């Protein structure tokens, strides 16, 4: 893996010895979040108050390879505080990226940049949007999301998007 650039795979001489790193995905046990077991004062398992160990947003992932999905931190559980997130999206090969927003209920600002840092899409100010797609001109893009502080009684539910190579 080329750690100097985008973290993609590069050819090397097979006679060279290198350290290696293994990675596997922790599968979620439900559609919301993975919980931890907490013991109450009597050392009984308290399943009514799980702790969110990880979420499925891929928020602030170093490099995210398509296909997959991204979302605001904590989606679809709306009890976590809004968090700034950034994603470096990559599609391997001669592809562009398709970003398909299937859920948007936020006043936050989401910006998409191409691989050269040019702003190619900014979305903000509309709380409830119908599903919409955006396409990148290259196979590398950066997405940032900055939530708005909650105002009044409205709950910021965030967003969810599916990322596909095109």
Protein backbone atom coordinates (compact mmCIF):
# COMPACT_ATOMS: atom_id res chain seq x y z
CA UNK A 1 0.00 0.00 0.00
CA UNK A 2 1.35 3.40 -0.98
CA UNK A 3 1.21 5.34 2.31
CA UNK A 4 2.82 8.44 0.78
CA UNK A 5 -0.06 9.19 -1.59
CA UNK A 6 -3.73 8.16 -1.41
CA UNK A 7 -3.18 4.78 0.30
CA UNK A 8 -3.83 2.85 -2.90
CA UNK A 9 -1.94 -0.31 -3.86
CA UNK A 10 1.32 -0.05 -5.82
CA UNK A 11 3.51 -2.65 -7.50
CA UNK A 12 6.70 -3.63 -5.66
CA UNK A 13 9.36 -6.27 -6.10
CA UNK A 14 8.05 -9.49 -4.49
CA UNK A 15 11.53 -10.25 -3.11
CA UNK A 16 11.40 -7.23 -0.80
CA UNK A 17 10.25 -7.83 2.78
CA UNK A 18 7.77 -5.42 4.30
CA UNK A 19 5.63 -5.20 7.41
CA UNK A 20 1.97 -5.87 6.78
CA UNK A 21 -1.35 -4.72 8.11
CA UNK A 22 -4.60 -6.65 8.16
CA UNK A 23 -7.99 -4.99 8.28
CA UNK A 24 -11.52 -6.30 8.61
CA UNK A 25 -14.90 -4.65 9.06
CA UNK A 26 -16.73 -5.03 12.36
CA UNK A 27 -20.25 -6.04 11.29
CA UNK A 28 -23.07 -4.09 12.94
CA UNK A 29 -25.44 -6.10 15.10
CA UNK A 30 -28.41 -3.88 14.30
CA UNK A 31 -29.39 -1.16 11.88
CA UNK A 32 -28.70 1.60 14.38
CA UNK A 33 -25.45 1.21 16.30
CA UNK A 34 -23.24 -1.26 18.07
CA UNK A 35 -23.73 -1.21 21.82
CA UNK A 36 -21.56 -2.24 24.70
CA UNK A 37 -22.72 -4.14 27.72
CA UNK A 38 -22.92 -2.09 30.90
CA UNK A 39 -23.30 -3.56 34.36
CA UNK A 40 -25.63 -1.93 36.85
CA UNK A 41 -24.96 -1.56 40.59
CA UNK A 42 -25.92 -5.22 41.17
CA UNK A 43 -23.57 -6.43 38.39
CA UNK A 44 -26.51 -7.31 36.13
CA UNK A 45 -26.31 -6.54 32.43
CA UNK A 46 -28.03 -3.23 31.66
CA UNK A 47 -29.24 -3.59 28.06
CA UNK A 48 -31.52 -0.55 28.31
CA UNK A 49 -28.58 1.87 28.17
CA UNK A 50 -26.10 0.75 25.49
CA UNK A 51 -23.03 2.87 24.80
CA UNK A 52 -22.38 3.73 21.18
CA UNK A 53 -18.89 2.42 20.46
CA UNK A 54 -18.78 3.13 16.74
CA UNK A 55 -21.16 4.43 14.17
CA UNK A 56 -21.56 3.62 10.50
CA UNK A 57 -21.00 7.14 9.16
CA UNK A 58 -17.36 6.57 8.13
CA UNK A 59 -16.90 10.11 9.43
CA UNK A 60 -13.27 11.29 9.31
CA UNK A 61 -12.09 8.06 7.70
CA UNK A 62 -8.62 8.52 6.23
CA UNK A 63 -9.59 7.06 2.86
CA UNK A 64 -12.93 5.66 1.79
CA UNK A 65 -13.06 3.31 -1.21
CA UNK A 66 -16.28 3.17 -3.23
CA UNK A 67 -18.73 1.46 -3.17
CA UNK A 68 -20.19 2.17 0.25
CA UNK A 69 -22.07 4.83 2.15
CA UNK A 70 -21.37 7.90 4.23
CA UNK A 71 -23.60 9.80 6.63
CA UNK A 72 -23.54 12.44 9.30
CA UNK A 73 -22.07 11.17 12.55
CA UNK A 74 -24.54 9.10 14.56
CA UNK A 75 -27.05 8.63 11.71
CA UNK A 76 -29.70 7.19 12.13
CA UNK A 77 -29.50 7.59 15.94
CA UNK A 78 -30.19 11.27 16.63
CA UNK A 79 -28.99 11.42 20.23
CA UNK A 80 -25.34 12.20 19.49
CA UNK A 81 -24.20 15.82 19.16
CA UNK A 82 -23.58 17.20 15.65
CA UNK A 83 -19.97 16.70 14.55
CA UNK A 84 -17.83 18.10 11.74
CA UNK A 85 -16.92 15.30 9.31
CA UNK A 86 -14.70 14.89 6.27
CA UNK A 87 -14.32 12.02 3.82
CA UNK A 88 -11.67 11.35 1.15
CA UNK A 89 -13.57 9.27 -1.43
CA UNK A 90 -11.82 7.14 -4.04
CA UNK A 91 -13.02 4.85 -6.82
CA UNK A 92 -10.36 2.48 -8.10
CA UNK A 93 -9.80 2.43 -11.84
CA UNK A 94 -11.03 4.74 -14.59
CA UNK A 95 -14.25 5.74 -12.83
CA UNK A 96 -15.98 8.83 -11.58
CA UNK A 97 -17.82 8.90 -8.27
CA UNK A 98 -21.59 8.99 -7.97
CA UNK A 99 -22.85 10.33 -4.65
CA UNK A 100 -26.53 9.50 -4.17
CA UNK A 101 -28.15 11.33 -1.25
CA UNK A 102 -31.12 9.24 -0.16
CA UNK A 103 -31.78 11.06 3.15
CA UNK A 104 -31.33 14.75 3.99
CA UNK A 105 -32.88 16.38 7.07
CA UNK A 106 -30.32 18.94 8.18
CA UNK A 107 -29.52 22.63 7.95
CA UNK A 108 -25.84 21.70 7.92
CA UNK A 109 -23.49 22.52 5.05
CA UNK A 110 -22.09 19.75 2.87
CA UNK A 111 -19.38 20.60 0.32
CA UNK A 112 -17.89 18.36 -2.37
CA UNK A 113 -14.41 19.10 -3.74
CA UNK A 114 -12.69 17.46 -6.71
CA UNK A 115 -9.21 15.98 -6.37
CA UNK A 116 -7.66 19.42 -6.99
CA UNK A 117 -9.63 21.12 -4.21
CA UNK A 118 -12.14 22.85 -6.52
CA UNK A 119 -15.61 23.27 -5.00
CA UNK A 120 -17.95 21.19 -7.22
CA UNK A 121 -21.07 21.24 -5.04
CA UNK A 122 -22.35 22.89 -1.87
CA UNK A 123 -25.64 22.09 -0.18
CA UNK A 124 -27.09 24.01 2.75
CA UNK A 125 -30.13 25.79 4.09
CA UNK A 126 -32.85 23.32 3.07
CA UNK A 127 -33.90 21.05 5.91
CA UNK A 128 -35.85 18.36 4.04
CA UNK A 129 -34.66 17.58 0.51
CA UNK A 130 -35.94 14.92 -1.81
CA UNK A 131 -33.26 12.35 -2.82
CA UNK A 132 -30.69 13.79 -5.22
CA UNK A 133 -27.45 12.65 -6.95
CA UNK A 134 -24.13 14.40 -7.54
CA UNK A 135 -21.30 13.23 -9.81
CA UNK A 136 -17.60 14.01 -9.62
CA UNK A 137 -15.42 14.61 -12.69
CA UNK A 138 -12.64 12.34 -11.36
CA UNK A 139 -12.20 9.22 -9.25
CA UNK A 140 -11.09 11.17 -6.14
CA UNK A 141 -13.21 13.63 -4.15
CA UNK A 142 -13.30 15.17 -0.69
CA UNK A 143 -16.60 15.73 1.09
CA UNK A 144 -17.00 17.89 4.20
CA UNK A 145 -20.04 18.30 6.43
CA UNK A 146 -20.47 21.06 9.00
CA UNK A 147 -23.63 20.76 11.10
CA UNK A 148 -25.64 23.77 12.18
CA UNK A 149 -26.28 24.18 15.90
CA UNK A 150 -29.80 23.09 16.82
CA UNK A 151 -32.29 25.93 16.93
CA UNK A 152 -35.70 25.72 18.53
CA UNK A 153 -37.37 22.34 18.81
CA UNK A 154 -36.31 20.98 15.41
CA UNK A 155 -34.07 17.91 15.55
CA UNK A 156 -31.18 17.79 13.08
CA UNK A 157 -31.35 14.24 11.70
CA UNK A 158 -28.35 14.63 9.36
CA UNK A 159 -27.89 12.97 5.97
CA UNK A 160 -27.04 9.63 4.32
CA UNK A 161 -25.49 9.01 0.89
CA UNK A 162 -24.51 5.96 -1.15
CA UNK A 163 -21.14 6.21 -2.96
CA UNK A 164 -20.70 4.27 -6.22
CA UNK A 165 -18.02 4.14 -8.92
CA UNK A 166 -19.45 5.21 -12.33
